[in-house]
Structures are given as C-alpha cells and as structure tokens.
Amino acid sequence: MIVDTHIHLYDPRRPEGAPWPDPDDTVIYLTTLPDRCIERAKPVGVEGAVVVECSEWVEDNQWVLDLADNEPFILGLVGNLDIHDERFGDHIDRFSKHPVFRGIRAHMWKPDDFDGLRKLSDLDLSLDLSLNELTLSIAKELPDLRIIINHCAGIKMDGDDPEPDAVDLVRRAAEHPNVFCKLSGMMDLRCTIRPAPTEVDHYARYLDILWDAFSEDRMIFGSDWPVSDRSDRSYADVLKLAQDYVSTKPASAEAKVFSENARRVYKWQDR
C-alpha cells in the first residue's frame, strides 16, 4: 500500500476565491480537487492521501472535510489553524470531531506558549511543521505529541555540500522519538535545478542524512503535489524518486515509509 501524506486541494474559482496559491503562480493556480490527484496517483499505485491545508481561512478546513465525506481517497486532513487565536480551542474541538481531521500544520510559534499544543496532544492529534530550534523545544516539552517535520527538514539538495548547522539540527531533532520526517519536497523545494534531476544519486547523500537520523521507522512519503509540478517533473517522477531511494535500504523499509509509519503518526481510519 502506498499513501501520499502531503497533497494540497483548493479551488480559486469558488465565488469566494482562495487565499493560496497566488494568481501569478501559473503552474499551480488551477482548480485542484481530488479527481486531479487521483488521476495521477492511482495509476502509479497510490491508494490514499493526506491533505495538508495551506489556506489560513478557518472554514477551508471544513471545505476539505466536506470533500472527504464524498471521497474515500482522502484519508486525513492536516488542518491549518492559528494556535494563538483566542478561538483555537473552539476550532480544534469542532474539527477534531470529524474522523478525517488528523492534526494541524504550523509555521511560527511563540516560544513560551504550549497550551494549544497540549490540547493537540490531549486529543491525540499531530503537528506538522518546519524544523527549527523551537521544534526541539516543543518535542521536549510535549513528548506525547506526534511531530512531523515537513519537506526533508529543509536540507538543500542543489549539489553543494550540506550545511553543517542544518545537519546538526536534523540529528538533534531525531533524538526525540516523537519526531518524524517527511520524505517530501525533494524536487520542488529542496532542489532548485529546473527541470529537477530524477536520478537518485543526485539526492542520496542528502537523504542519507535524514535516514541515518530518523531510520526507516520515522520517515514517511509525501509528494507535495501539486507544488511538486514546479519542479517540471510529474507526480510519477516524484514517487519514483522516493521509491528508488527507499529501494536502496532494507526490504522492511518500503512498507514503513510508504504507509505504516504514516498510519502510526496520523492514525487515520480505514475508509
């Protein structure tokens, strides 16, 4: 089974529009509903996906949940809610009642504010975020909160030597057993060469940093589609790169990276 843990859905043609992506982004500024993903994902063996919400509009969380009610391909939603909003508690109570709602994503945090994050942990939800020093503080303060670092933890993959500080941060993050890492964004975010290389050898030395830190037990696959289209490569290319890399590891890694670890961290229900 293959599950894609990082796709985006949105419809800028709605009457109210959409706050993301930017209309100038001609590559991805398209109506992007489940059918667009399914027609790319299912032919290459992907059986379900987790949606990661980019919109900051609270009701867009409900919009995805409504789509999921009619589309079992959507296994989970990582919502987008402001944890510092005075209504955060009400919002998380509301959305967490829906079985597809599996956690939230975050961009910036106040270092001393953990109340909202504790509520996530208490509700057995997860937290997606980028890797920085604050990530380590959260992981230490809330060891029961499942934390997913997005897009290869920010490791640049353009051909230069990896930055020592970034490598050190990855290793320190991995010391916390509640922290996972997404094998995602390789072609579109971490690599800026266009079209992005498809050869696994270009990426392997960077990915090995993550693998050595998190191992096969805490790495999970995500395509970052349709943002991945900015790489001038197809959905199939993105998946194949991840598969080619994981195929160089022990046979036990495939099932873990492409489904089992994601089930552990997001705890979706079979649909």
C-alpha atoms as a PDB file:
ATOM      1  CA  MET A   1       0.000   0.000   0.000  1.00  0.00           C
ATOM      2  CA  ILE A   2       1.206   3.494  -0.841  1.00  0.00           C
ATOM      3  CA  VAL A   3      -0.182   6.551   0.951  1.00  0.00           C
ATOM      4  CA  ASP A   4       0.784  10.089  -0.012  1.00  0.00           C
ATOM      5  CA  THR A   5       0.926  12.179   3.157  1.00  0.00           C
ATOM      6  CA  HIS A   6       1.269  15.625   1.587  1.00  0.00           C
ATOM      7  CA  ILE A   7      -1.089  16.934  -1.075  1.00  0.00           C
ATOM      8  CA  HIS A   8      -2.976  20.231  -1.347  1.00  0.00           C
ATOM      9  CA  LEU A   9      -6.549  20.823  -2.500  1.00  0.00           C
ATOM     10  CA  TYR A  10      -8.071  24.203  -3.333  1.00  0.00           C
ATOM     11  CA  ASP A  11     -10.352  25.925  -5.825  1.00  0.00           C
ATOM     12  CA  PRO A  12      -9.560  29.528  -6.753  1.00  0.00           C
ATOM     13  CA  ARG A  13     -12.665  29.555  -8.970  1.00  0.00           C
ATOM     14  CA  ARG A  14     -15.022  29.419  -5.985  1.00  0.00           C
ATOM     15  CA  PRO A  15     -17.168  32.532  -5.528  1.00  0.00           C
ATOM     16  CA  GLU A  16     -15.063  33.474  -2.510  1.00  0.00           C
ATOM     17  CA  GLY A  17     -11.819  32.527  -4.252  1.00  0.00           C
ATOM     18  CA  ALA A  18      -8.880  31.061  -2.353  1.00  0.00           C
ATOM     19  CA  PRO A  19      -6.070  32.776  -0.422  1.00  0.00           C
ATOM     20  CA  TRP A  20      -3.479  30.363  -1.832  1.00  0.00           C
ATOM     21  CA  PRO A  21      -1.842  29.909  -4.321  1.00  0.00           C
ATOM     22  CA  ASP A  22      -1.031  33.296  -5.769  1.00  0.00           C
ATOM     23  CA  PRO A  23      -2.792  34.003  -9.082  1.00  0.00           C
ATOM     24  CA  ASP A  24       0.612  34.763 -10.620  1.00  0.00           C
ATOM     25  CA  ASP A  25       1.683  31.177  -9.988  1.00  0.00           C
ATOM     26  CA  THR A  26       0.539  29.885 -13.354  1.00  0.00           C
ATOM     27  CA  VAL A  27       1.860  26.372 -12.703  1.00  0.00           C
ATOM     28  CA  ILE A  28      -0.472  25.563  -9.807  1.00  0.00           C
ATOM     29  CA  TYR A  29      -3.160  28.275  -9.894  1.00  0.00           C
ATOM     30  CA  LEU A  30      -5.736  25.756 -11.109  1.00  0.00           C
ATOM     31  CA  THR A  31      -8.842  24.191  -9.656  1.00  0.00           C
ATOM     32  CA  THR A  32      -7.331  21.287  -7.737  1.00  0.00           C
ATOM     33  CA  LEU A  33      -9.873  18.827  -6.393  1.00  0.00           C
ATOM     34  CA  PRO A  34      -9.491  15.128  -5.511  1.00  0.00           C
ATOM     35  CA  ASP A  35     -10.089  13.946  -9.068  1.00  0.00           C
ATOM     36  CA  ARG A  36      -6.953  15.758 -10.326  1.00  0.00           C
ATOM     37  CA  CYS A  37      -4.827  13.985  -7.732  1.00  0.00           C
ATOM     38  CA  ILE A  38      -6.495  10.614  -8.189  1.00  0.00           C
ATOM     39  CA  GLU A  39      -5.912  10.580 -11.942  1.00  0.00           C
ATOM     40  CA  ARG A  40      -2.179  10.983 -11.269  1.00  0.00           C
ATOM     41  CA  ALA A  41      -1.835   8.934  -8.108  1.00  0.00           C
ATOM     42  CA  LYS A  42      -3.883   5.786  -8.606  1.00  0.00           C
ATOM     43  CA  PRO A  43      -2.206   4.689 -11.870  1.00  0.00           C
ATOM     44  CA  VAL A  44       1.143   4.590 -10.026  1.00  0.00           C
ATOM     45  CA  GLY A  45      -0.221   2.645  -7.067  1.00  0.00           C
ATOM     46  CA  VAL A  46      -1.138   5.344  -4.546  1.00  0.00           C
ATOM     47  CA  GLU A  47      -4.284   4.295  -2.678  1.00  0.00           C
ATOM     48  CA  GLY A  48      -4.940   7.290  -0.454  1.00  0.00           C
ATOM     49  CA  ALA A  49      -3.689  10.707   0.569  1.00  0.00           C
ATOM     50  CA  VAL A  50      -3.453  13.122   3.474  1.00  0.00           C
ATOM     51  CA  VAL A  51      -4.389  16.706   2.602  1.00  0.00           C
ATOM     52  CA  VAL A  52      -2.271  19.459   4.159  1.00  0.00           C
ATOM     53  CA  GLU A  53      -4.217  22.717   4.268  1.00  0.00           C
ATOM     54  CA  CYS A  54      -2.444  25.847   3.024  1.00  0.00           C
ATOM     55  CA  SER A  55      -5.329  28.281   3.412  1.00  0.00           C
ATOM     56  CA  GLU A  56      -5.472  30.331   6.607  1.00  0.00           C
ATOM     57  CA  TRP A  57      -9.246  30.662   6.315  1.00  0.00           C
ATOM     58  CA  VAL A  58     -10.765  28.627   9.130  1.00  0.00           C
ATOM     59  CA  GLU A  59     -13.708  27.454   7.045  1.00  0.00           C
ATOM     60  CA  ASP A  60     -11.421  25.990   4.398  1.00  0.00           C
ATOM     61  CA  ASN A  61     -10.744  23.205   6.878  1.00  0.00           C
ATOM     62  CA  GLN A  62     -14.436  22.371   6.698  1.00  0.00           C
ATOM     63  CA  TRP A  63     -14.331  22.665   2.914  1.00  0.00           C
ATOM     64  CA  VAL A  64     -11.789  19.817   2.720  1.00  0.00           C
ATOM     65  CA  LEU A  65     -13.705  17.728   5.252  1.00  0.00           C
ATOM     66  CA  ASP A  66     -16.827  18.121   3.117  1.00  0.00           C
ATOM     67  CA  LEU A  67     -14.844  16.883   0.095  1.00  0.00           C
ATOM     68  CA  ALA A  68     -13.626  13.932   2.143  1.00  0.00           C
ATOM     69  CA  ASP A  69     -17.180  12.935   3.056  1.00  0.00           C
ATOM     70  CA  ASN A  70     -17.682  12.020  -0.584  1.00  0.00           C
ATOM     71  CA  GLU A  71     -14.170  10.819  -1.455  1.00  0.00           C
ATOM     72  CA  PRO A  72     -12.598   7.926   0.495  1.00  0.00           C
ATOM     73  CA  PHE A  73      -9.253   8.553  -1.240  1.00  0.00           C
ATOM     74  CA  ILE A  74      -8.812  11.358   1.317  1.00  0.00           C
ATOM     75  CA  LEU A  75      -7.587   9.534   4.428  1.00  0.00           C
ATOM     76  CA  GLY A  76      -6.761  12.560   6.518  1.00  0.00           C
ATOM     77  CA  LEU A  77      -6.633  16.324   6.789  1.00  0.00           C
ATOM     78  CA  VAL A  78      -3.820  18.230   8.430  1.00  0.00           C
ATOM     79  CA  GLY A  79      -5.699  21.433   9.116  1.00  0.00           C
ATOM     80  CA  ASN A  80      -4.452  24.993   9.232  1.00  0.00           C
ATOM     81  CA  LEU A  81      -5.403  26.777  12.457  1.00  0.00           C
ATOM     82  CA  ASP A  82      -3.728  29.593  14.360  1.00  0.00           C
ATOM     83  CA  ILE A  83      -2.815  28.122  17.711  1.00  0.00           C
ATOM     84  CA  HIS A  84      -2.548  31.627  19.203  1.00  0.00           C
ATOM     85  CA  ASP A  85      -6.083  32.571  18.132  1.00  0.00           C
ATOM     86  CA  GLU A  86      -8.286  33.023  21.195  1.00  0.00           C
ATOM     87  CA  ARG A  87     -10.828  30.745  19.489  1.00  0.00           C
ATOM     88  CA  PHE A  88      -8.331  27.985  18.763  1.00  0.00           C
ATOM     89  CA  GLY A  89      -9.812  25.728  21.430  1.00  0.00           C
ATOM     90  CA  ASP A  90     -13.279  26.037  19.933  1.00  0.00           C
ATOM     91  CA  HIS A  91     -11.966  25.409  16.439  1.00  0.00           C
ATOM     92  CA  ILE A  92      -9.970  22.326  17.376  1.00  0.00           C
ATOM     93  CA  ASP A  93     -12.871  20.902  19.374  1.00  0.00           C
ATOM     94  CA  ARG A  94     -15.135  21.368  16.379  1.00  0.00           C
ATOM     95  CA  PHE A  95     -12.910  19.918  13.674  1.00  0.00           C
ATOM     96  CA  SER A  96     -11.465  17.088  15.737  1.00  0.00           C
ATOM     97  CA  LYS A  97     -14.929  15.533  15.906  1.00  0.00           C
ATOM     98  CA  HIS A  98     -14.562  14.654  12.213  1.00  0.00           C
ATOM     99  CA  PRO A  99     -12.614  11.375  11.851  1.00  0.00           C
ATOM    100  CA  VAL A 100     -10.680  12.652   8.819  1.00  0.00           C
ATOM    101  CA  PHE A 101      -9.219  15.593  10.780  1.00  0.00           C
ATOM    102  CA  ARG A 102      -5.857  14.283  11.996  1.00  0.00           C
ATOM    103  CA  GLY A 103      -3.908  17.324  13.188  1.00  0.00           C
ATOM    104  CA  ILE A 104      -2.705  20.786  12.197  1.00  0.00           C
ATOM    105  CA  ARG A 105       0.234  22.413  10.491  1.00  0.00           C
ATOM    106  CA  ALA A 106       2.128  25.388  11.886  1.00  0.00           C
ATOM    107  CA  HIS A 107       4.564  27.988  10.624  1.00  0.00           C
ATOM    108  CA  MET A 108       5.504  30.250  13.572  1.00  0.00           C
ATOM    109  CA  TRP A 109       5.250  29.867  17.325  1.00  0.00           C
ATOM    110  CA  LYS A 110       5.701  31.926  20.462  1.00  0.00           C
ATOM    111  CA  PRO A 111       8.394  30.110  22.417  1.00  0.00           C
ATOM    112  CA  ASP A 112       6.542  30.081  25.726  1.00  0.00           C
ATOM    113  CA  ASP A 113       3.020  29.185  24.560  1.00  0.00           C
ATOM    114  CA  PHE A 114       2.293  25.460  24.786  1.00  0.00           C
ATOM    115  CA  ASP A 115      -1.359  25.435  25.849  1.00  0.00           C
ATOM    116  CA  GLY A 116      -2.764  24.935  22.368  1.00  0.00           C
ATOM    117  CA  LEU A 117      -0.171  22.303  21.585  1.00  0.00           C
ATOM    118  CA  ARG A 118      -1.086  20.454  24.759  1.00  0.00           C
ATOM    119  CA  LYS A 119      -4.671  20.390  23.554  1.00  0.00           C
ATOM    120  CA  LEU A 120      -3.497  18.756  20.336  1.00  0.00           C
ATOM    121  CA  SER A 121      -1.656  16.132  22.332  1.00  0.00           C
ATOM    122  CA  ASP A 122      -4.635  15.535  24.622  1.00  0.00           C
ATOM    123  CA  LEU A 123      -6.862  14.973  21.581  1.00  0.00           C
ATOM    124  CA  ASP A 124      -4.321  12.530  20.110  1.00  0.00           C
ATOM    125  CA  LEU A 125      -3.757  14.784  17.084  1.00  0.00           C
ATOM    126  CA  SER A 126      -0.490  15.511  15.290  1.00  0.00           C
ATOM    127  CA  LEU A 127       1.561  18.584  14.433  1.00  0.00           C
ATOM    128  CA  ASP A 128       3.190  19.269  11.037  1.00  0.00           C
ATOM    129  CA  LEU A 129       5.836  21.979  10.941  1.00  0.00           C
ATOM    130  CA  SER A 130       9.215  23.038   9.620  1.00  0.00           C
ATOM    131  CA  LEU A 131      12.381  22.252  11.527  1.00  0.00           C
ATOM    132  CA  ASN A 132      13.940  24.928  13.718  1.00  0.00           C
ATOM    133  CA  GLU A 133      15.133  25.322  17.302  1.00  0.00           C
ATOM    134  CA  LEU A 134      11.575  25.793  18.513  1.00  0.00           C
ATOM    135  CA  THR A 135      10.654  22.393  17.079  1.00  0.00           C
ATOM    136  CA  LEU A 136      13.126  20.848  19.509  1.00  0.00           C
ATOM    137  CA  SER A 137      11.598  22.769  22.420  1.00  0.00           C
ATOM    138  CA  ILE A 138       8.124  21.538  21.506  1.00  0.00           C
ATOM    139  CA  ALA A 139       9.310  17.939  21.178  1.00  0.00           C
ATOM    140  CA  LYS A 140      10.955  18.084  24.591  1.00  0.00           C
ATOM    141  CA  GLU A 141       8.056  19.843  26.333  1.00  0.00           C
ATOM    142  CA  LEU A 142       5.383  17.566  24.837  1.00  0.00           C
ATOM    143  CA  PRO A 143       6.852  14.081  24.353  1.00  0.00           C
ATOM    144  CA  ASP A 144       3.429  12.567  23.633  1.00  0.00           C
ATOM    145  CA  LEU A 145       2.718  14.959  20.742  1.00  0.00           C
ATOM    146  CA  ARG A 146       3.489  13.376  17.375  1.00  0.00           C
ATOM    147  CA  ILE A 147       5.506  15.897  15.351  1.00  0.00           C
ATOM    148  CA  ILE A 148       6.073  15.616  11.594  1.00  0.00           C
ATOM    149  CA  ILE A 149       8.851  17.708  10.062  1.00  0.00           C
ATOM    150  CA  ASN A 150       7.960  18.635   6.513  1.00  0.00           C
ATOM    151  CA  HIS A 151       9.969  18.515   3.298  1.00  0.00           C
ATOM    152  CA  CYS A 152      13.189  16.744   4.222  1.00  0.00           C
ATOM    153  CA  ALA A 153      13.773  19.034   7.189  1.00  0.00           C
ATOM    154  CA  GLY A 154      14.979  21.889   4.998  1.00  0.00           C
ATOM    155  CA  ILE A 155      18.128  20.134   3.752  1.00  0.00           C
ATOM    156  CA  LYS A 156      19.181  21.800   0.478  1.00  0.00           C
ATOM    157  CA  MET A 157      19.771  19.407  -2.433  1.00  0.00           C
ATOM    158  CA  ASP A 158      21.296  21.504  -5.216  1.00  0.00           C
ATOM    159  CA  GLY A 159      24.610  19.673  -5.405  1.00  0.00           C
ATOM    160  CA  ASP A 160      26.580  21.582  -2.773  1.00  0.00           C
ATOM    161  CA  ASP A 161      27.796  20.105   0.495  1.00  0.00           C
ATOM    162  CA  PRO A 162      25.050  20.047   3.114  1.00  0.00           C
ATOM    163  CA  GLU A 163      25.134  22.895   5.607  1.00  0.00           C
ATOM    164  CA  PRO A 164      26.650  21.666   8.903  1.00  0.00           C
ATOM    165  CA  ASP A 165      24.157  23.592  11.044  1.00  0.00           C
ATOM    166  CA  ALA A 166      21.225  22.045   9.172  1.00  0.00           C
ATOM    167  CA  VAL A 167      22.692  18.566   9.599  1.00  0.00           C
ATOM    168  CA  ASP A 168      23.216  19.149  13.296  1.00  0.00           C
ATOM    169  CA  LEU A 169      19.619  20.317  13.709  1.00  0.00           C
ATOM    170  CA  VAL A 170      18.328  17.181  11.992  1.00  0.00           C
ATOM    171  CA  ARG A 171      20.333  14.952  14.290  1.00  0.00           C
ATOM    172  CA  ARG A 172      19.176  16.748  17.399  1.00  0.00           C
ATOM    173  CA  ALA A 173      15.553  16.580  16.274  1.00  0.00           C
ATOM    174  CA  ALA A 174      15.832  12.848  15.727  1.00  0.00           C
ATOM    175  CA  GLU A 175      16.900  12.371  19.334  1.00  0.00           C
ATOM    176  CA  HIS A 176      13.245  12.899  20.231  1.00  0.00           C
ATOM    177  CA  PRO A 177      11.299   9.689  19.498  1.00  0.00           C
ATOM    178  CA  ASN A 178       8.063  11.627  18.886  1.00  0.00           C
ATOM    179  CA  VAL A 179       9.544  13.424  15.840  1.00  0.00           C
ATOM    180  CA  PHE A 180       9.065  12.060  12.304  1.00  0.00           C
ATOM    181  CA  CYS A 181      10.348  13.383   8.974  1.00  0.00           C
ATOM    182  CA  LYS A 182       8.640  13.614   5.580  1.00  0.00           C
ATOM    183  CA  LEU A 183      10.423  12.382   2.503  1.00  0.00           C
ATOM    184  CA  SER A 184       8.840  15.214   0.537  1.00  0.00           C
ATOM    185  CA  GLY A 185       9.652  18.389  -1.363  1.00  0.00           C
ATOM    186  CA  MET A 186      12.843  16.905  -2.790  1.00  0.00           C
ATOM    187  CA  MET A 187      12.369  18.092  -6.358  1.00  0.00           C
ATOM    188  CA  ASP A 188      10.317  21.254  -5.876  1.00  0.00           C
ATOM    189  CA  LEU A 189      11.569  22.820  -2.632  1.00  0.00           C
ATOM    190  CA  ARG A 190      14.894  21.336  -1.608  1.00  0.00           C
ATOM    191  CA  CYS A 191      16.271  21.310  -5.173  1.00  0.00           C
ATOM    192  CA  THR A 192      16.087  24.465  -7.304  1.00  0.00           C
ATOM    193  CA  ILE A 193      17.523  22.979 -10.521  1.00  0.00           C
ATOM    194  CA  ARG A 194      14.944  23.029 -13.359  1.00  0.00           C
ATOM    195  CA  PRO A 195      13.905  20.620 -14.551  1.00  0.00           C
ATOM    196  CA  ALA A 196      14.771  18.814 -11.342  1.00  0.00           C
ATOM    197  CA  PRO A 197      17.131  15.848 -11.609  1.00  0.00           C
ATOM    198  CA  THR A 198      15.395  12.472 -11.492  1.00  0.00           C
ATOM    199  CA  GLU A 199      18.478  10.379 -10.699  1.00  0.00           C
ATOM    200  CA  VAL A 200      18.524   9.129  -7.130  1.00  0.00           C
ATOM    201  CA  ASP A 201      22.293   9.629  -6.972  1.00  0.00           C
ATOM    202  CA  HIS A 202      21.786  13.403  -7.023  1.00  0.00           C
ATOM    203  CA  TYR A 203      19.742  13.260  -3.801  1.00  0.00           C
ATOM    204  CA  ALA A 204      21.136  10.237  -1.969  1.00  0.00           C
ATOM    205  CA  ARG A 205      23.870  11.920   0.066  1.00  0.00           C
ATOM    206  CA  TYR A 206      21.354  14.427   1.421  1.00  0.00           C
ATOM    207  CA  LEU A 207      18.644  11.870   2.066  1.00  0.00           C
ATOM    208  CA  ASP A 208      21.136   9.644   3.864  1.00  0.00           C
ATOM    209  CA  ILE A 209      21.500  12.393   6.487  1.00  0.00           C
ATOM    210  CA  LEU A 210      17.796  12.105   7.217  1.00  0.00           C
ATOM    211  CA  TRP A 211      17.774   8.335   7.008  1.00  0.00           C
ATOM    212  CA  ASP A 212      20.707   7.931   9.370  1.00  0.00           C
ATOM    213  CA  ALA A 213      18.943  10.207  11.856  1.00  0.00           C
ATOM    214  CA  PHE A 214      15.327   9.000  11.669  1.00  0.00           C
ATOM    215  CA  SER A 215      15.765   5.498  10.197  1.00  0.00           C
ATOM    216  CA  GLU A 216      13.084   3.545   8.363  1.00  0.00           C
ATOM    217  CA  ASP A 217      10.804   3.776  11.409  1.00  0.00           C
ATOM    218  CA  ARG A 218      10.258   7.544  11.286  1.00  0.00           C
ATOM    219  CA  MET A 219      10.383   8.512   7.608  1.00  0.00           C
ATOM    220  CA  ILE A 220       7.157   8.963   5.631  1.00  0.00           C
ATOM    221  CA  PHE A 221       6.477   9.704   1.975  1.00  0.00           C
ATOM    222  CA  GLY A 222       4.694  12.822   0.719  1.00  0.00           C
ATOM    223  CA  SER A 223       4.555  14.164  -2.841  1.00  0.00           C
ATOM    224  CA  ASP A 224       3.862  17.844  -2.098  1.00  0.00           C
ATOM    225  CA  TRP A 225       1.575  17.763  -5.151  1.00  0.00           C
ATOM    226  CA  PRO A 226       0.660  19.999  -6.948  1.00  0.00           C
ATOM    227  CA  VAL A 227       3.508  22.212  -5.693  1.00  0.00           C
ATOM    228  CA  SER A 228       5.770  19.445  -6.984  1.00  0.00           C
ATOM    229  CA  ASP A 229       4.740  20.451 -10.507  1.00  0.00           C
ATOM    230  CA  ARG A 230       7.006  23.494 -10.119  1.00  0.00           C
ATOM    231  CA  SER A 231       9.933  21.101 -10.495  1.00  0.00           C
ATOM    232  CA  ASP A 232       8.979  20.490 -14.144  1.00  0.00           C
ATOM    233  CA  ARG A 233       8.557  16.833 -13.218  1.00  0.00           C
ATOM    234  CA  SER A 234       5.440  14.677 -12.976  1.00  0.00           C
ATOM    235  CA  TYR A 235       3.723  13.144  -9.970  1.00  0.00           C
ATOM    236  CA  ALA A 236       5.017   9.769 -11.171  1.00  0.00           C
ATOM    237  CA  ASP A 237       8.584  11.153 -11.230  1.00  0.00           C
ATOM    238  CA  VAL A 238       8.279  12.356  -7.631  1.00  0.00           C
ATOM    239  CA  LEU A 239       7.024   8.998  -6.407  1.00  0.00           C
ATOM    240  CA  LYS A 240       9.637   7.081  -8.379  1.00  0.00           C
ATOM    241  CA  LEU A 241      12.448   9.135  -6.880  1.00  0.00           C
ATOM    242  CA  ALA A 242      11.253   8.246  -3.383  1.00  0.00           C
ATOM    243  CA  GLN A 243      10.837   4.591  -4.345  1.00  0.00           C
ATOM    244  CA  ASP A 244      14.260   4.443  -5.976  1.00  0.00           C
ATOM    245  CA  TYR A 245      15.845   5.820  -2.834  1.00  0.00           C
ATOM    246  CA  VAL A 246      13.989   3.546  -0.418  1.00  0.00           C
ATOM    247  CA  SER A 247      14.801   0.532  -2.612  1.00  0.00           C
ATOM    248  CA  THR A 248      18.461   1.004  -1.623  1.00  0.00           C
ATOM    249  CA  LYS A 249      17.517   0.324   2.008  1.00  0.00           C
ATOM    250  CA  PRO A 250      16.464  -2.911   3.748  1.00  0.00           C
ATOM    251  CA  ALA A 251      13.353  -4.575   2.310  1.00  0.00           C
ATOM    252  CA  SER A 252      11.456  -3.802   5.514  1.00  0.00           C
ATOM    253  CA  ALA A 253      11.660  -0.072   4.772  1.00  0.00           C
ATOM    254  CA  GLU A 254       9.234   0.060   1.842  1.00  0.00           C
ATOM    255  CA  ALA A 255       6.024  -0.717   3.733  1.00  0.00           C
ATOM    256  CA  LYS A 256       7.060   1.517   6.620  1.00  0.00           C
ATOM    257  CA  VAL A 257       7.933   4.613   4.584  1.00  0.00           C
ATOM    258  CA  PHE A 258       5.003   4.380   2.182  1.00  0.00           C
ATOM    259  CA  SER A 259       2.197   3.533   4.612  1.00  0.00           C
ATOM    260  CA  GLU A 260       2.877   2.028   8.034  1.00  0.00           C
ATOM    261  CA  ASN A 261       4.733   4.967   9.579  1.00  0.00           C
ATOM    262  CA  ALA A 262       2.121   7.390   8.259  1.00  0.00           C
ATOM    263  CA  ARG A 263      -0.647   5.326   9.821  1.00  0.00           C
ATOM    264  CA  ARG A 264       1.202   5.438  13.135  1.00  0.00           C
ATOM    265  CA  VAL A 265       1.704   9.176  13.083  1.00  0.00           C
ATOM    266  CA  TYR A 266      -1.653  10.317  11.644  1.00  0.00           C
ATOM    267  CA  LYS A 267      -3.808   7.451  12.959  1.00  0.00           C
ATOM    268  CA  TRP A 268      -6.295   7.676  10.128  1.00  0.00           C
ATOM    269  CA  GLN A 269      -9.252   5.323   9.989  1.00  0.00           C
ATOM    270  CA  ASP A 270      -9.688   2.922   7.103  1.00  0.00           C
ATOM    271  CA  ARG A 271     -12.280   4.199   4.679  1.00  0.00           C
END
